[in-house]
PDB file of all heavy atoms in Angstrom:
ATOM      1  N   VAL A   1      -1.307   3.829  -0.462  1.00  0.00           N
ATOM      2  CA  VAL A   1      -1.062   2.403  -0.202  1.00  0.00           C
ATOM      3  C   VAL A   1      -2.379   1.661  -0.217  1.00  0.00           C
ATOM      4  O   VAL A   1      -2.498   0.597  -0.800  1.00  0.00           O
ATOM      5  CB  VAL A   1      -0.312   2.237   1.119  1.00  0.00           C
ATOM      6  CG1 VAL A   1      -0.287   0.771   1.564  1.00  0.00           C
ATOM      7  CG2 VAL A   1       1.070   2.789   1.038  1.00  0.00           C
ATOM      8  N   ARG A   2      -3.440   2.251   0.415  1.00  0.00           N
ATOM      9  CA  ARG A   2      -4.726   1.606   0.392  1.00  0.00           C
ATOM     10  C   ARG A   2      -5.286   1.286  -1.021  1.00  0.00           C
ATOM     11  O   ARG A   2      -5.704   0.197  -1.331  1.00  0.00           O
ATOM     12  CB  ARG A   2      -5.768   2.417   1.210  1.00  0.00           C
ATOM     13  CG  ARG A   2      -7.120   1.738   1.311  1.00  0.00           C
ATOM     14  CD  ARG A   2      -8.070   2.540   2.174  1.00  0.00           C
ATOM     15  NE  ARG A   2      -7.592   2.930   3.446  1.00  0.00           N
ATOM     16  CZ  ARG A   2      -7.410   2.132   4.512  1.00  0.00           C
ATOM     17  NH1 ARG A   2      -7.711   0.832   4.393  1.00  0.00           N
ATOM     18  NH2 ARG A   2      -6.905   2.605   5.633  1.00  0.00           N
ATOM     19  N   ASP A   3      -5.225   2.337  -1.865  1.00  0.00           N
ATOM     20  CA  ASP A   3      -5.749   2.136  -3.228  1.00  0.00           C
ATOM     21  C   ASP A   3      -4.915   1.163  -4.039  1.00  0.00           C
ATOM     22  O   ASP A   3      -5.452   0.261  -4.704  1.00  0.00           O
ATOM     23  CB  ASP A   3      -5.776   3.452  -3.962  1.00  0.00           C
ATOM     24  CG  ASP A   3      -6.821   4.428  -3.442  1.00  0.00           C
ATOM     25  OD1 ASP A   3      -7.732   3.963  -2.731  1.00  0.00           O
ATOM     26  OD2 ASP A   3      -6.726   5.608  -3.709  1.00  0.00           O
ATOM     27  N   ILE A   4      -3.594   1.211  -3.880  1.00  0.00           N
ATOM     28  CA  ILE A   4      -2.674   0.342  -4.664  1.00  0.00           C
ATOM     29  C   ILE A   4      -2.868  -1.130  -4.216  1.00  0.00           C
ATOM     30  O   ILE A   4      -3.072  -1.998  -5.025  1.00  0.00           O
ATOM     31  CB  ILE A   4      -1.256   0.828  -4.461  1.00  0.00           C
ATOM     32  CG1 ILE A   4      -1.061   2.147  -5.214  1.00  0.00           C
ATOM     33  CG2 ILE A   4      -0.275  -0.272  -4.997  1.00  0.00           C
ATOM     34  CD1 ILE A   4       0.275   2.864  -4.821  1.00  0.00           C
ATOM     35  N   ILE A   5      -2.852  -1.353  -2.911  1.00  0.00           N
ATOM     36  CA  ILE A   5      -2.927  -2.704  -2.403  1.00  0.00           C
ATOM     37  C   ILE A   5      -4.337  -3.284  -2.582  1.00  0.00           C
ATOM     38  O   ILE A   5      -4.491  -4.509  -2.874  1.00  0.00           O
ATOM     39  CB  ILE A   5      -2.433  -2.829  -0.933  1.00  0.00           C
ATOM     40  CG1 ILE A   5      -0.981  -2.393  -0.802  1.00  0.00           C
ATOM     41  CG2 ILE A   5      -2.648  -4.232  -0.407  1.00  0.00           C
ATOM     42  CD1 ILE A   5       0.029  -3.124  -1.686  1.00  0.00           C
ATOM     43  N   ASN A   6      -5.367  -2.484  -2.486  1.00  0.00           N
ATOM     44  CA  ASN A   6      -6.714  -2.987  -2.781  1.00  0.00           C
ATOM     45  C   ASN A   6      -6.823  -3.540  -4.168  1.00  0.00           C
ATOM     46  O   ASN A   6      -7.505  -4.569  -4.410  1.00  0.00           O
ATOM     47  CB  ASN A   6      -7.775  -1.885  -2.564  1.00  0.00           C
ATOM     48  CG  ASN A   6      -8.419  -1.948  -1.172  1.00  0.00           C
ATOM     49  OD1 ASN A   6      -8.727  -3.004  -0.683  1.00  0.00           O
ATOM     50  ND2 ASN A   6      -8.542  -0.790  -0.564  1.00  0.00           N
ATOM     51  N   ARG A   7      -6.151  -2.908  -5.133  1.00  0.00           N
ATOM     52  CA  ARG A   7      -6.153  -3.434  -6.496  1.00  0.00           C
ATOM     53  C   ARG A   7      -5.169  -4.605  -6.652  1.00  0.00           C
ATOM     54  O   ARG A   7      -5.487  -5.635  -7.315  1.00  0.00           O
ATOM     55  CB  ARG A   7      -5.827  -2.319  -7.474  1.00  0.00           C
ATOM     56  CG  ARG A   7      -5.895  -2.812  -8.893  1.00  0.00           C
ATOM     57  CD  ARG A   7      -5.690  -1.656  -9.881  1.00  0.00           C
ATOM     58  NE  ARG A   7      -5.791  -2.147 -11.238  1.00  0.00           N
ATOM     59  CZ  ARG A   7      -6.899  -2.061 -12.062  1.00  0.00           C
ATOM     60  NH1 ARG A   7      -7.958  -1.411 -11.576  1.00  0.00           N
ATOM     61  NH2 ARG A   7      -6.865  -2.522 -13.243  1.00  0.00           N
ATOM     62  N   TYR A   8      -4.027  -4.443  -6.051  1.00  0.00           N
ATOM     63  CA  TYR A   8      -2.970  -5.479  -6.224  1.00  0.00           C
ATOM     64  C   TYR A   8      -3.296  -6.784  -5.537  1.00  0.00           C
ATOM     65  O   TYR A   8      -2.978  -7.890  -6.063  1.00  0.00           O
ATOM     66  CB  TYR A   8      -1.655  -4.919  -5.690  1.00  0.00           C
ATOM     67  CG  TYR A   8      -0.489  -5.783  -5.956  1.00  0.00           C
ATOM     68  CD1 TYR A   8       0.097  -5.912  -7.249  1.00  0.00           C
ATOM     69  CD2 TYR A   8       0.132  -6.519  -4.913  1.00  0.00           C
ATOM     70  CE1 TYR A   8       1.197  -6.669  -7.518  1.00  0.00           C
ATOM     71  CE2 TYR A   8       1.223  -7.294  -5.162  1.00  0.00           C
ATOM     72  CZ  TYR A   8       1.739  -7.407  -6.474  1.00  0.00           C
ATOM     73  OH  TYR A   8       2.845  -8.205  -6.712  1.00  0.00           O
ATOM     74  N   ALA A   9      -3.842  -6.698  -4.365  1.00  0.00           N
ATOM     75  CA  ALA A   9      -4.119  -7.904  -3.538  1.00  0.00           C
ATOM     76  C   ALA A   9      -5.576  -7.814  -3.027  1.00  0.00           C
ATOM     77  O   ALA A   9      -5.842  -7.465  -1.860  1.00  0.00           O
ATOM     78  CB  ALA A   9      -3.170  -7.938  -2.366  1.00  0.00           C
ATOM     79  N   PRO A  10      -6.556  -8.019  -3.888  1.00  0.00           N
ATOM     80  CA  PRO A  10      -7.933  -7.844  -3.567  1.00  0.00           C
ATOM     81  C   PRO A  10      -8.477  -8.715  -2.431  1.00  0.00           C
ATOM     82  O   PRO A  10      -7.924  -9.825  -2.241  1.00  0.00           O
ATOM     83  CB  PRO A  10      -8.707  -8.088  -4.857  1.00  0.00           C
ATOM     84  CG  PRO A  10      -7.752  -8.918  -5.676  1.00  0.00           C
ATOM     85  CD  PRO A  10      -6.390  -8.539  -5.251  1.00  0.00           C
ATOM     86  N   PRO A  11      -9.424  -8.227  -1.669  1.00  0.00           N
ATOM     87  CA  PRO A  11      -9.985  -8.943  -0.513  1.00  0.00           C
ATOM     88  C   PRO A  11     -10.530 -10.289  -0.832  1.00  0.00           C
ATOM     89  O   PRO A  11     -10.652 -11.148   0.060  1.00  0.00           O
ATOM     90  CB  PRO A  11     -11.062  -8.025   0.032  1.00  0.00           C
ATOM     91  CG  PRO A  11     -10.709  -6.692  -0.521  1.00  0.00           C
ATOM     92  CD  PRO A  11     -10.034  -6.888  -1.813  1.00  0.00           C
ATOM     93  N   VAL A  12     -10.908 -10.561  -2.048  1.00  0.00           N
ATOM     94  CA  VAL A  12     -11.478 -11.891  -2.379  1.00  0.00           C
ATOM     95  C   VAL A  12     -10.436 -12.989  -2.156  1.00  0.00           C
ATOM     96  O   VAL A  12     -10.820 -14.210  -2.014  1.00  0.00           O
ATOM     97  CB  VAL A  12     -12.045 -11.959  -3.850  1.00  0.00           C
ATOM     98  CG1 VAL A  12     -13.203 -11.049  -4.009  1.00  0.00           C
ATOM     99  CG2 VAL A  12     -10.939 -11.661  -4.886  1.00  0.00           C
ATOM    100  N   GLU A  13      -9.118 -12.682  -2.149  1.00  0.00           N
ATOM    101  CA  GLU A  13      -8.142 -13.723  -1.972  1.00  0.00           C
ATOM    102  C   GLU A  13      -7.054 -13.361  -0.966  1.00  0.00           C
ATOM    103  O   GLU A  13      -6.121 -14.091  -0.829  1.00  0.00           O
ATOM    104  CB  GLU A  13      -7.508 -14.060  -3.324  1.00  0.00           C
ATOM    105  CG  GLU A  13      -6.902 -12.894  -4.029  1.00  0.00           C
ATOM    106  CD  GLU A  13      -6.450 -13.211  -5.472  1.00  0.00           C
ATOM    107  OE1 GLU A  13      -7.192 -13.841  -6.196  1.00  0.00           O
ATOM    108  OE2 GLU A  13      -5.340 -12.821  -5.788  1.00  0.00           O
ATOM    109  N   ASN A  14      -7.193 -12.243  -0.261  1.00  0.00           N
ATOM    110  CA  ASN A  14      -6.118 -11.825   0.673  1.00  0.00           C
ATOM    111  C   ASN A  14      -6.773 -11.163   1.880  1.00  0.00           C
ATOM    112  O   ASN A  14      -7.917 -10.714   1.883  1.00  0.00           O
ATOM    113  CB  ASN A  14      -5.276 -10.767  -0.015  1.00  0.00           C
ATOM    114  CG  ASN A  14      -4.498 -11.263  -1.194  1.00  0.00           C
ATOM    115  OD1 ASN A  14      -3.519 -11.945  -1.096  1.00  0.00           O
ATOM    116  ND2 ASN A  14      -5.016 -10.981  -2.405  1.00  0.00           N
ATOM    117  N   ASN A  15      -5.978 -11.073   2.932  1.00  0.00           N
ATOM    118  CA  ASN A  15      -6.259 -10.195   4.048  1.00  0.00           C
ATOM    119  C   ASN A  15      -5.760  -8.823   3.668  1.00  0.00           C
ATOM    120  O   ASN A  15      -4.681  -8.380   4.103  1.00  0.00           O
ATOM    121  CB  ASN A  15      -5.564 -10.726   5.321  1.00  0.00           C
ATOM    122  CG  ASN A  15      -5.708  -9.750   6.498  1.00  0.00           C
ATOM    123  OD1 ASN A  15      -6.369  -8.728   6.429  1.00  0.00           O
ATOM    124  ND2 ASN A  15      -5.060 -10.062   7.634  1.00  0.00           N
ATOM    125  N   THR A  16      -6.508  -8.123   2.829  1.00  0.00           N
ATOM    126  CA  THR A  16      -6.072  -6.898   2.252  1.00  0.00           C
ATOM    127  C   THR A  16      -5.824  -5.827   3.269  1.00  0.00           C
ATOM    128  O   THR A  16      -4.814  -5.106   3.155  1.00  0.00           O
ATOM    129  CB  THR A  16      -7.038  -6.482   1.153  1.00  0.00           C
ATOM    130  OG1 THR A  16      -7.248  -7.527   0.226  1.00  0.00           O
ATOM    131  CG2 THR A  16      -6.593  -5.249   0.429  1.00  0.00           C
ATOM    132  N   GLU A  17      -6.683  -5.694   4.233  1.00  0.00           N
ATOM    133  CA  GLU A  17      -6.473  -4.635   5.234  1.00  0.00           C
ATOM    134  C   GLU A  17      -5.189  -4.828   6.024  1.00  0.00           C
ATOM    135  O   GLU A  17      -4.461  -3.894   6.255  1.00  0.00           O
ATOM    136  CB  GLU A  17      -7.640  -4.539   6.195  1.00  0.00           C
ATOM    137  CG  GLU A  17      -7.617  -3.343   7.137  1.00  0.00           C
ATOM    138  CD  GLU A  17      -7.509  -2.010   6.470  1.00  0.00           C
ATOM    139  OE1 GLU A  17      -8.000  -1.788   5.320  1.00  0.00           O
ATOM    140  OE2 GLU A  17      -6.826  -1.109   7.037  1.00  0.00           O
ATOM    141  N   GLY A  18      -4.870  -6.119   6.369  1.00  0.00           N
ATOM    142  CA  GLY A  18      -3.626  -6.402   7.031  1.00  0.00           C
ATOM    143  C   GLY A  18      -2.440  -6.089   6.168  1.00  0.00           C
ATOM    144  O   GLY A  18      -1.475  -5.573   6.635  1.00  0.00           O
ATOM    145  N   TYR A  19      -2.588  -6.405   4.856  1.00  0.00           N
ATOM    146  CA  TYR A  19      -1.510  -6.133   3.878  1.00  0.00           C
ATOM    147  C   TYR A  19      -1.291  -4.615   3.781  1.00  0.00           C
ATOM    148  O   TYR A  19      -0.155  -4.142   3.850  1.00  0.00           O
ATOM    149  CB  TYR A  19      -2.022  -6.629   2.516  1.00  0.00           C
ATOM    150  CG  TYR A  19      -0.974  -6.927   1.434  1.00  0.00           C
ATOM    151  CD1 TYR A  19      -1.036  -8.074   0.666  1.00  0.00           C
ATOM    152  CD2 TYR A  19       0.084  -6.034   1.170  1.00  0.00           C
ATOM    153  CE1 TYR A  19      -0.155  -8.333  -0.354  1.00  0.00           C
ATOM    154  CE2 TYR A  19       0.938  -6.272   0.132  1.00  0.00           C
ATOM    155  CZ  TYR A  19       0.832  -7.366  -0.621  1.00  0.00           C
ATOM    156  OH  TYR A  19       1.767  -7.642  -1.655  1.00  0.00           O
ATOM    157  N   ILE A  20      -2.376  -3.863   3.718  1.00  0.00           N
ATOM    158  CA  ILE A  20      -2.281  -2.367   3.620  1.00  0.00           C
ATOM    159  C   ILE A  20      -1.532  -1.819   4.859  1.00  0.00           C
ATOM    160  O   ILE A  20      -0.661  -1.027   4.730  1.00  0.00           O
ATOM    161  CB  ILE A  20      -3.714  -1.739   3.524  1.00  0.00           C
ATOM    162  CG1 ILE A  20      -4.279  -2.090   2.146  1.00  0.00           C
ATOM    163  CG2 ILE A  20      -3.698  -0.256   3.805  1.00  0.00           C
ATOM    164  CD1 ILE A  20      -5.816  -1.841   2.085  1.00  0.00           C
ATOM    165  N   GLN A  21      -2.004  -2.299   6.050  1.00  0.00           N
ATOM    166  CA  GLN A  21      -1.375  -1.743   7.286  1.00  0.00           C
ATOM    167  C   GLN A  21       0.115  -2.100   7.335  1.00  0.00           C
ATOM    168  O   GLN A  21       0.916  -1.226   7.771  1.00  0.00           O
ATOM    169  CB  GLN A  21      -2.144  -2.328   8.491  1.00  0.00           C
ATOM    170  CG  GLN A  21      -3.573  -1.870   8.602  1.00  0.00           C
ATOM    171  CD  GLN A  21      -3.717  -0.396   8.725  1.00  0.00           C
ATOM    172  OE1 GLN A  21      -2.900   0.357   9.320  1.00  0.00           O
ATOM    173  NE2 GLN A  21      -4.753   0.203   8.038  1.00  0.00           N
ATOM    174  N   ARG A  22       0.453  -3.315   6.936  1.00  0.00           N
ATOM    175  CA  ARG A  22       1.858  -3.685   7.014  1.00  0.00           C
ATOM    176  C   ARG A  22       2.729  -2.857   6.056  1.00  0.00           C
ATOM    177  O   ARG A  22       3.806  -2.398   6.402  1.00  0.00           O
ATOM    178  CB  ARG A  22       2.009  -5.164   6.697  1.00  0.00           C
ATOM    179  CG  ARG A  22       3.394  -5.677   6.814  1.00  0.00           C
ATOM    180  CD  ARG A  22       3.458  -7.182   6.924  1.00  0.00           C
ATOM    181  NE  ARG A  22       4.825  -7.586   6.801  1.00  0.00           N
ATOM    182  CZ  ARG A  22       5.207  -8.797   6.494  1.00  0.00           C
ATOM    183  NH1 ARG A  22       4.280  -9.727   6.248  1.00  0.00           N
ATOM    184  NH2 ARG A  22       6.456  -9.185   6.438  1.00  0.00           N
ATOM    185  N   VAL A  23       2.254  -2.687   4.823  1.00  0.00           N
ATOM    186  CA  VAL A  23       3.021  -1.946   3.815  1.00  0.00           C
ATOM    187  C   VAL A  23       3.096  -0.459   4.257  1.00  0.00           C
ATOM    188  O   VAL A  23       4.179   0.142   4.178  1.00  0.00           O
ATOM    189  CB  VAL A  23       2.393  -2.039   2.432  1.00  0.00           C
ATOM    190  CG1 VAL A  23       2.989  -1.029   1.432  1.00  0.00           C
ATOM    191  CG2 VAL A  23       2.560  -3.446   1.868  1.00  0.00           C
ATOM    192  N   ALA A  24       2.007   0.136   4.675  1.00  0.00           N
ATOM    193  CA  ALA A  24       2.004   1.523   5.189  1.00  0.00           C
ATOM    194  C   ALA A  24       3.019   1.722   6.343  1.00  0.00           C
ATOM    195  O   ALA A  24       3.803   2.690   6.350  1.00  0.00           O
ATOM    196  CB  ALA A  24       0.641   1.952   5.595  1.00  0.00           C
ATOM    197  N   LYS A  25       3.032   0.793   7.262  1.00  0.00           N
ATOM    198  CA  LYS A  25       3.947   0.837   8.391  1.00  0.00           C
ATOM    199  C   LYS A  25       5.412   0.729   7.893  1.00  0.00           C
ATOM    200  O   LYS A  25       6.256   1.533   8.348  1.00  0.00           O
ATOM    201  CB  LYS A  25       3.691  -0.321   9.363  1.00  0.00           C
ATOM    202  CG  LYS A  25       4.530  -0.274  10.597  1.00  0.00           C
ATOM    203  CD  LYS A  25       4.192  -1.344  11.585  1.00  0.00           C
ATOM    204  CE  LYS A  25       5.087  -1.265  12.789  1.00  0.00           C
ATOM    205  NZ  LYS A  25       4.757  -2.331  13.716  1.00  0.00           N
ATOM    206  N   GLU A  26       5.686  -0.130   6.965  1.00  0.00           N
ATOM    207  CA  GLU A  26       7.049  -0.248   6.439  1.00  0.00           C
ATOM    208  C   GLU A  26       7.485   1.016   5.727  1.00  0.00           C
ATOM    209  O   GLU A  26       8.652   1.356   5.711  1.00  0.00           O
ATOM    210  CB  GLU A  26       7.217  -1.452   5.527  1.00  0.00           C
ATOM    211  CG  GLU A  26       7.269  -2.746   6.294  1.00  0.00           C
ATOM    212  CD  GLU A  26       7.897  -3.908   5.521  1.00  0.00           C
ATOM    213  OE1 GLU A  26       8.795  -3.634   4.710  1.00  0.00           O
ATOM    214  OE2 GLU A  26       7.507  -5.066   5.828  1.00  0.00           O
ATOM    215  N   LEU A  27       6.542   1.673   5.074  1.00  0.00           N
ATOM    216  CA  LEU A  27       6.829   2.931   4.357  1.00  0.00           C
ATOM    217  C   LEU A  27       6.767   4.139   5.278  1.00  0.00           C
ATOM    218  O   LEU A  27       7.099   5.262   4.870  1.00  0.00           O
ATOM    219  CB  LEU A  27       5.865   3.142   3.165  1.00  0.00           C
ATOM    220  CG  LEU A  27       6.310   2.511   1.855  1.00  0.00           C
ATOM    221  CD1 LEU A  27       6.390   1.055   1.883  1.00  0.00           C
ATOM    222  CD2 LEU A  27       5.344   2.967   0.771  1.00  0.00           C
ATOM    223  N   ASN A  28       6.301   3.946   6.537  1.00  0.00           N
ATOM    224  CA  ASN A  28       6.141   5.003   7.505  1.00  0.00           C
ATOM    225  C   ASN A  28       5.250   6.132   7.002  1.00  0.00           C
ATOM    226  O   ASN A  28       5.579   7.306   7.104  1.00  0.00           O
ATOM    227  CB  ASN A  28       7.523   5.598   7.897  1.00  0.00           C
ATOM    228  CG  ASN A  28       7.477   6.352   9.185  1.00  0.00           C
ATOM    229  OD1 ASN A  28       6.681   6.083  10.033  1.00  0.00           O
ATOM    230  ND2 ASN A  28       8.354   7.301   9.320  1.00  0.00           N
ATOM    231  N   VAL A  29       4.082   5.668   6.454  1.00  0.00           N
ATOM    232  CA  VAL A  29       3.092   6.614   5.964  1.00  0.00           C
ATOM    233  C   VAL A  29       1.711   6.147   6.438  1.00  0.00           C
ATOM    234  O   VAL A  29       1.523   5.026   6.877  1.00  0.00           O
ATOM    235  CB  VAL A  29       3.048   6.708   4.416  1.00  0.00           C
ATOM    236  CG1 VAL A  29       4.409   7.187   3.885  1.00  0.00           C
ATOM    237  CG2 VAL A  29       2.702   5.381   3.784  1.00  0.00           C
ATOM    238  N   SER A  30       0.734   7.013   6.343  1.00  0.00           N
ATOM    239  CA  SER A  30      -0.647   6.622   6.595  1.00  0.00           C
ATOM    240  C   SER A  30      -1.140   5.825   5.355  1.00  0.00           C
ATOM    241  O   SER A  30      -0.709   6.126   4.251  1.00  0.00           O
ATOM    242  CB  SER A  30      -1.496   7.850   6.772  1.00  0.00           C
ATOM    243  OG  SER A  30      -2.848   7.585   6.629  1.00  0.00           O
ATOM    244  N   PRO A  31      -1.984   4.859   5.548  1.00  0.00           N
ATOM    245  CA  PRO A  31      -2.518   4.095   4.384  1.00  0.00           C
ATOM    246  C   PRO A  31      -3.144   4.909   3.321  1.00  0.00           C
ATOM    247  O   PRO A  31      -3.260   4.533   2.175  1.00  0.00           O
ATOM    248  CB  PRO A  31      -3.528   3.152   5.026  1.00  0.00           C
ATOM    249  CG  PRO A  31      -3.105   2.999   6.436  1.00  0.00           C
ATOM    250  CD  PRO A  31      -2.508   4.340   6.823  1.00  0.00           C
ATOM    251  N   ASP A  32      -3.614   6.159   3.712  1.00  0.00           N
ATOM    252  CA  ASP A  32      -4.331   6.979   2.778  1.00  0.00           C
ATOM    253  C   ASP A  32      -3.520   8.151   2.215  1.00  0.00           C
ATOM    254  O   ASP A  32      -4.041   8.964   1.445  1.00  0.00           O
ATOM    255  CB  ASP A  32      -5.626   7.455   3.373  1.00  0.00           C
ATOM    256  CG  ASP A  32      -6.582   6.293   3.727  1.00  0.00           C
ATOM    257  OD1 ASP A  32      -6.830   5.495   2.846  1.00  0.00           O
ATOM    258  OD2 ASP A  32      -6.965   6.181   4.909  1.00  0.00           O
ATOM    259  N   ASP A  33      -2.236   8.290   2.626  1.00  0.00           N
ATOM    260  CA  ASP A  33      -1.373   9.303   2.093  1.00  0.00           C
ATOM    261  C   ASP A  33      -1.145   9.070   0.605  1.00  0.00           C
ATOM    262  O   ASP A  33      -0.972   7.917   0.189  1.00  0.00           O
ATOM    263  CB  ASP A  33       0.044   9.352   2.759  1.00  0.00           C
ATOM    264  CG  ASP A  33      -0.052   9.873   4.193  1.00  0.00           C
ATOM    265  OD1 ASP A  33      -1.084  10.416   4.593  1.00  0.00           O
ATOM    266  OD2 ASP A  33       0.966   9.713   4.914  1.00  0.00           O
ATOM    267  N   CYS A  34      -1.097  10.111  -0.153  1.00  0.00           N
ATOM    268  CA  CYS A  34      -0.872   9.998  -1.653  1.00  0.00           C
ATOM    269  C   CYS A  34       0.656   9.978  -1.852  1.00  0.00           C
ATOM    270  O   CYS A  34       1.375  10.875  -1.356  1.00  0.00           O
ATOM    271  CB  CYS A  34      -1.531  11.150  -2.347  1.00  0.00           C
ATOM    272  SG  CYS A  34      -1.526  10.877  -4.161  1.00  0.00           S
ATOM    273  N   LEU A  35       1.128   8.934  -2.585  1.00  0.00           N
ATOM    274  CA  LEU A  35       2.570   8.836  -2.891  1.00  0.00           C
ATOM    275  C   LEU A  35       2.657   8.760  -4.417  1.00  0.00           C
ATOM    276  O   LEU A  35       1.721   8.531  -5.092  1.00  0.00           O
ATOM    277  CB  LEU A  35       3.098   7.520  -2.317  1.00  0.00           C
ATOM    278  CG  LEU A  35       2.757   7.218  -0.814  1.00  0.00           C
ATOM    279  CD1 LEU A  35       3.114   5.792  -0.520  1.00  0.00           C
ATOM    280  CD2 LEU A  35       3.538   8.180   0.006  1.00  0.00           C
ATOM    281  N   SER A  36       3.861   8.907  -4.913  1.00  0.00           N
ATOM    282  CA  SER A  36       4.074   8.775  -6.350  1.00  0.00           C
ATOM    283  C   SER A  36       5.157   7.680  -6.614  1.00  0.00           C
ATOM    284  O   SER A  36       6.331   7.896  -6.250  1.00  0.00           O
ATOM    285  CB  SER A  36       4.496  10.070  -7.013  1.00  0.00           C
ATOM    286  OG  SER A  36       4.777   9.802  -8.415  1.00  0.00           O
ATOM    287  N   VAL A  37       4.750   6.634  -7.256  1.00  0.00           N
ATOM    288  CA  VAL A  37       5.697   5.574  -7.620  1.00  0.00           C
ATOM    289  C   VAL A  37       6.600   6.012  -8.801  1.00  0.00           C
ATOM    290  O   VAL A  37       7.442   5.247  -9.204  1.00  0.00           O
ATOM    291  CB  VAL A  37       5.009   4.237  -7.923  1.00  0.00           C
ATOM    292  CG1 VAL A  37       4.339   3.731  -6.616  1.00  0.00           C
ATOM    293  CG2 VAL A  37       4.053   4.324  -9.050  1.00  0.00           C
ATOM    294  N   MET A  38       6.386   7.204  -9.313  1.00  0.00           N
ATOM    295  CA  MET A  38       7.306   7.769 -10.330  1.00  0.00           C
ATOM    296  C   MET A  38       8.588   8.177  -9.677  1.00  0.00           C
ATOM    297  O   MET A  38       9.573   8.372 -10.364  1.00  0.00           O
ATOM    298  CB  MET A  38       6.656   8.894 -11.073  1.00  0.00           C
ATOM    299  CG  MET A  38       5.356   8.576 -11.792  1.00  0.00           C
ATOM    300  SD  MET A  38       5.499   7.161 -12.890  1.00  0.00           S
ATOM    301  CE  MET A  38       3.809   6.736 -13.122  1.00  0.00           C
ATOM    302  N   GLN A  39       8.533   8.354  -8.341  1.00  0.00           N
ATOM    303  CA  GLN A  39       9.768   8.646  -7.595  1.00  0.00           C
ATOM    304  C   GLN A  39      10.473   7.319  -7.238  1.00  0.00           C
ATOM    305  O   GLN A  39       9.837   6.425  -6.637  1.00  0.00           O
ATOM    306  CB  GLN A  39       9.449   9.434  -6.294  1.00  0.00           C
ATOM    307  CG  GLN A  39       8.840  10.772  -6.575  1.00  0.00           C
ATOM    308  CD  GLN A  39       8.465  11.446  -5.273  1.00  0.00           C
ATOM    309  OE1 GLN A  39       8.112  10.811  -4.294  1.00  0.00           O
ATOM    310  NE2 GLN A  39       8.502  12.773  -5.259  1.00  0.00           N
ATOM    311  N   LYS A  40      11.689   7.190  -7.594  1.00  0.00           N
ATOM    312  CA  LYS A  40      12.472   5.940  -7.461  1.00  0.00           C
ATOM    313  C   LYS A  40      12.434   5.458  -5.981  1.00  0.00           C
ATOM    314  O   LYS A  40      12.226   4.263  -5.713  1.00  0.00           O
ATOM    315  CB  LYS A  40      13.883   6.102  -7.957  1.00  0.00           C
ATOM    316  CG  LYS A  40      14.730   4.910  -7.769  1.00  0.00           C
ATOM    317  CD  LYS A  40      16.126   5.245  -8.359  1.00  0.00           C
ATOM    318  CE  LYS A  40      17.140   4.289  -7.789  1.00  0.00           C
ATOM    319  NZ  LYS A  40      18.493   4.564  -8.330  1.00  0.00           N
ATOM    320  N   ASP A  41      12.652   6.327  -5.027  1.00  0.00           N
ATOM    321  CA  ASP A  41      12.724   5.926  -3.622  1.00  0.00           C
ATOM    322  C   ASP A  41      11.378   5.383  -3.163  1.00  0.00           C
ATOM    323  O   ASP A  41      11.328   4.387  -2.415  1.00  0.00           O
ATOM    324  CB  ASP A  41      13.207   7.083  -2.738  1.00  0.00           C
ATOM    325  CG  ASP A  41      12.352   8.310  -2.734  1.00  0.00           C
ATOM    326  OD1 ASP A  41      11.713   8.628  -3.753  1.00  0.00           O
ATOM    327  OD2 ASP A  41      12.226   8.992  -1.689  1.00  0.00           O
ATOM    328  N   VAL A  42      10.269   5.974  -3.600  1.00  0.00           N
ATOM    329  CA  VAL A  42       8.927   5.505  -3.220  1.00  0.00           C
ATOM    330  C   VAL A  42       8.688   4.117  -3.915  1.00  0.00           C
ATOM    331  O   VAL A  42       8.235   3.182  -3.282  1.00  0.00           O
ATOM    332  CB  VAL A  42       7.866   6.487  -3.622  1.00  0.00           C
ATOM    333  CG1 VAL A  42       6.450   5.897  -3.419  1.00  0.00           C
ATOM    334  CG2 VAL A  42       7.985   7.813  -2.849  1.00  0.00           C
ATOM    335  N   LEU A  43       9.029   4.013  -5.164  1.00  0.00           N
ATOM    336  CA  LEU A  43       8.873   2.770  -5.911  1.00  0.00           C
ATOM    337  C   LEU A  43       9.619   1.610  -5.282  1.00  0.00           C
ATOM    338  O   LEU A  43       9.082   0.532  -5.041  1.00  0.00           O
ATOM    339  CB  LEU A  43       9.300   2.962  -7.395  1.00  0.00           C
ATOM    340  CG  LEU A  43       9.115   1.744  -8.288  1.00  0.00           C
ATOM    341  CD1 LEU A  43       7.668   1.414  -8.475  1.00  0.00           C
ATOM    342  CD2 LEU A  43       9.809   2.062  -9.639  1.00  0.00           C
ATOM    343  N   PHE A  44      10.903   1.887  -4.910  1.00  0.00           N
ATOM    344  CA  PHE A  44      11.736   0.853  -4.319  1.00  0.00           C
ATOM    345  C   PHE A  44      11.186   0.435  -2.910  1.00  0.00           C
ATOM    346  O   PHE A  44      11.186  -0.731  -2.559  1.00  0.00           O
ATOM    347  CB  PHE A  44      13.167   1.291  -4.248  1.00  0.00           C
ATOM    348  CG  PHE A  44      13.924   1.139  -5.602  1.00  0.00           C
ATOM    349  CD1 PHE A  44      13.250   1.019  -6.758  1.00  0.00           C
ATOM    350  CD2 PHE A  44      15.291   1.197  -5.558  1.00  0.00           C
ATOM    351  CE1 PHE A  44      13.963   0.905  -7.978  1.00  0.00           C
ATOM    352  CE2 PHE A  44      16.039   1.086  -6.748  1.00  0.00           C
ATOM    353  CZ  PHE A  44      15.376   0.945  -7.967  1.00  0.00           C
TER     354      PHE A  44
END
């Protein structure tokens, strides 16, 4: 989540760390856990 959101919503225009924390919490994972968006459930 950290790597993906850092690229998707860079700190120059976002509160990227807050974004990372919120997304990780919604996915119930650590921000640094490796996930695969090739898996439909992860992607959705």
